[in-house]
N, C-alpha and C. Protein backbone atom coordinates (compact mmCIF):
# COMPACT_ATOMS: atom_id res chain seq x y z
N MET A 1 0.64 -10.01 67.19
CA MET A 1 1.27 -9.99 65.70
C MET A 1 2.18 -11.13 65.63
N SER A 2 1.90 -12.01 64.83
CA SER A 2 2.66 -13.15 64.56
C SER A 2 3.89 -12.85 63.54
N PRO A 3 5.07 -13.42 63.67
CA PRO A 3 6.13 -13.08 62.59
C PRO A 3 5.89 -14.02 61.40
N LYS A 4 6.10 -13.23 60.34
CA LYS A 4 5.94 -14.08 59.04
C LYS A 4 7.16 -15.08 58.98
N ARG A 5 6.80 -16.23 58.52
CA ARG A 5 7.88 -17.20 58.24
C ARG A 5 8.29 -17.06 56.73
N ARG A 6 9.52 -16.90 56.49
CA ARG A 6 9.85 -16.99 55.00
C ARG A 6 10.64 -18.24 54.75
N GLY A 7 10.75 -18.79 53.52
CA GLY A 7 11.49 -19.90 53.29
C GLY A 7 12.96 -19.48 53.36
N ARG A 8 13.85 -20.44 53.25
CA ARG A 8 15.26 -20.18 53.15
C ARG A 8 15.53 -19.61 51.92
N GLN A 9 16.31 -18.44 51.85
CA GLN A 9 16.87 -17.87 50.83
C GLN A 9 18.08 -18.63 50.13
N PRO A 10 18.02 -18.72 48.91
CA PRO A 10 19.23 -19.73 48.35
C PRO A 10 20.33 -18.77 48.41
N ASP A 11 21.57 -19.54 48.55
CA ASP A 11 22.89 -18.86 48.86
C ASP A 11 23.13 -18.38 47.37
N LEU A 12 23.39 -17.04 47.35
CA LEU A 12 23.77 -16.47 46.06
C LEU A 12 25.08 -16.97 45.47
N PHE A 13 26.02 -17.27 46.33
CA PHE A 13 27.23 -17.76 45.84
C PHE A 13 27.18 -19.14 45.15
N LYS A 14 26.19 -20.03 45.82
CA LYS A 14 26.13 -21.27 45.33
C LYS A 14 25.30 -21.15 44.10
N VAL A 15 24.35 -20.38 43.83
CA VAL A 15 23.61 -20.07 42.54
C VAL A 15 24.47 -19.65 41.58
N LEU A 16 25.46 -18.78 41.96
CA LEU A 16 26.43 -18.39 41.01
C LEU A 16 27.41 -19.55 40.37
N VAL A 17 27.98 -20.22 41.49
CA VAL A 17 28.75 -21.23 40.94
C VAL A 17 27.92 -22.39 40.11
N VAL A 18 26.73 -22.57 40.58
CA VAL A 18 26.07 -23.68 39.77
C VAL A 18 25.76 -23.07 38.44
N THR A 19 25.41 -21.81 38.29
CA THR A 19 25.19 -21.27 37.02
C THR A 19 26.36 -21.20 36.03
N LEU A 20 27.45 -20.81 36.61
CA LEU A 20 28.85 -20.85 35.92
C LEU A 20 29.16 -22.21 35.43
N ALA A 21 29.02 -23.24 36.25
CA ALA A 21 29.33 -24.53 36.00
C ALA A 21 28.41 -25.09 34.84
N ILE A 22 27.12 -24.88 34.84
CA ILE A 22 26.23 -25.28 33.79
C ILE A 22 26.67 -24.63 32.39
N GLY A 23 26.90 -23.23 32.55
CA GLY A 23 27.38 -22.56 31.18
C GLY A 23 28.73 -22.96 30.70
N MET A 24 29.67 -23.38 31.58
CA MET A 24 30.87 -23.79 31.07
C MET A 24 30.79 -25.21 30.57
N THR A 25 29.82 -26.04 31.19
CA THR A 25 29.78 -27.39 30.73
C THR A 25 29.01 -27.24 29.22
N LEU A 26 28.06 -26.46 29.24
CA LEU A 26 27.34 -26.28 27.78
C LEU A 26 28.36 -25.76 26.68
N THR A 27 29.29 -24.80 27.05
CA THR A 27 30.15 -24.27 26.07
C THR A 27 31.22 -25.21 25.71
N LEU A 28 31.72 -26.06 26.77
CA LEU A 28 32.66 -27.07 26.44
C LEU A 28 32.16 -28.09 25.42
N GLY A 29 30.83 -28.48 25.78
CA GLY A 29 30.18 -29.62 24.96
C GLY A 29 29.92 -29.16 23.64
N TYR A 30 29.66 -27.65 23.40
CA TYR A 30 29.35 -27.34 22.06
C TYR A 30 30.65 -27.10 21.27
N GLN A 31 31.79 -26.78 21.92
CA GLN A 31 33.12 -26.81 21.25
C GLN A 31 33.50 -28.19 20.79
N ILE A 32 33.38 -29.29 21.68
CA ILE A 32 33.79 -30.58 21.51
C ILE A 32 32.76 -30.95 20.29
N ASN A 33 31.56 -30.60 20.35
CA ASN A 33 30.58 -31.05 19.11
C ASN A 33 31.08 -30.53 17.83
N LEU A 34 31.52 -29.29 17.91
CA LEU A 34 31.82 -28.51 16.61
C LEU A 34 33.32 -29.17 16.17
N TYR A 35 34.15 -29.42 17.14
CA TYR A 35 35.37 -30.14 16.60
C TYR A 35 35.33 -31.48 16.09
N HIS A 36 34.48 -32.51 16.76
CA HIS A 36 34.37 -33.64 16.36
C HIS A 36 33.48 -34.06 15.20
N VAL A 37 32.42 -33.22 15.17
CA VAL A 37 31.15 -33.58 14.20
C VAL A 37 31.43 -32.84 13.01
N GLY A 38 31.75 -31.52 13.23
CA GLY A 38 31.85 -30.41 12.18
C GLY A 38 33.00 -30.76 11.26
N GLN A 39 32.89 -31.08 10.08
CA GLN A 39 34.13 -31.47 9.30
C GLN A 39 34.23 -30.38 8.10
N VAL A 40 33.75 -29.20 8.39
CA VAL A 40 33.78 -28.02 7.47
C VAL A 40 35.22 -27.47 7.44
N GLN A 41 35.68 -27.06 6.23
CA GLN A 41 37.03 -26.49 6.08
C GLN A 41 37.15 -25.14 6.76
N PRO A 42 38.25 -24.78 7.25
CA PRO A 42 38.49 -23.68 8.10
C PRO A 42 38.34 -22.63 6.97
N MET A 43 37.78 -21.43 7.43
CA MET A 43 37.47 -20.40 6.52
C MET A 43 38.77 -19.79 5.62
N ALA A 44 39.90 -20.02 6.35
CA ALA A 44 41.24 -19.50 5.57
C ALA A 44 41.65 -20.48 4.52
N GLU A 45 41.12 -21.82 4.44
CA GLU A 45 41.46 -22.63 3.39
C GLU A 45 40.46 -22.62 2.48
N ARG A 46 39.36 -21.91 2.40
CA ARG A 46 38.32 -22.02 1.34
C ARG A 46 38.77 -21.03 0.24
N THR A 47 38.33 -21.44 -0.89
CA THR A 47 38.73 -20.51 -2.06
C THR A 47 37.37 -19.90 -2.46
N PRO A 48 37.48 -18.60 -2.84
CA PRO A 48 36.16 -17.89 -3.16
C PRO A 48 35.50 -18.67 -4.42
N ALA A 49 34.33 -18.48 -4.52
CA ALA A 49 33.50 -19.11 -5.63
C ALA A 49 33.60 -18.24 -6.80
N PRO A 50 33.78 -18.74 -8.00
CA PRO A 50 34.02 -17.98 -9.29
C PRO A 50 32.75 -17.00 -9.31
N PRO A 51 32.81 -15.92 -9.87
CA PRO A 51 31.68 -14.97 -10.16
C PRO A 51 30.82 -15.59 -11.24
N ILE A 52 29.71 -15.36 -11.09
CA ILE A 52 28.56 -15.78 -12.18
C ILE A 52 28.34 -14.60 -13.08
N ILE A 53 28.75 -14.68 -14.24
CA ILE A 53 28.55 -13.47 -15.25
C ILE A 53 27.63 -13.78 -16.29
N ASP A 54 26.52 -13.46 -16.28
CA ASP A 54 25.52 -13.62 -17.25
C ASP A 54 25.54 -12.66 -18.41
N GLY A 55 25.61 -12.73 -19.70
CA GLY A 55 25.72 -11.74 -20.48
C GLY A 55 24.94 -12.03 -21.73
């Protein structure tokens, strides 16, 4: 019987660190994009639209 050779298993800690780093980078990029590109007024400063009353 010949022993089966398996490929090296990825180190789970390294996979976790890489996944977290990618997720944090994407989140930070999204936040920076919202801050610099989005010029929308904050919700607290908006005034409600007047009601439309048809009669």
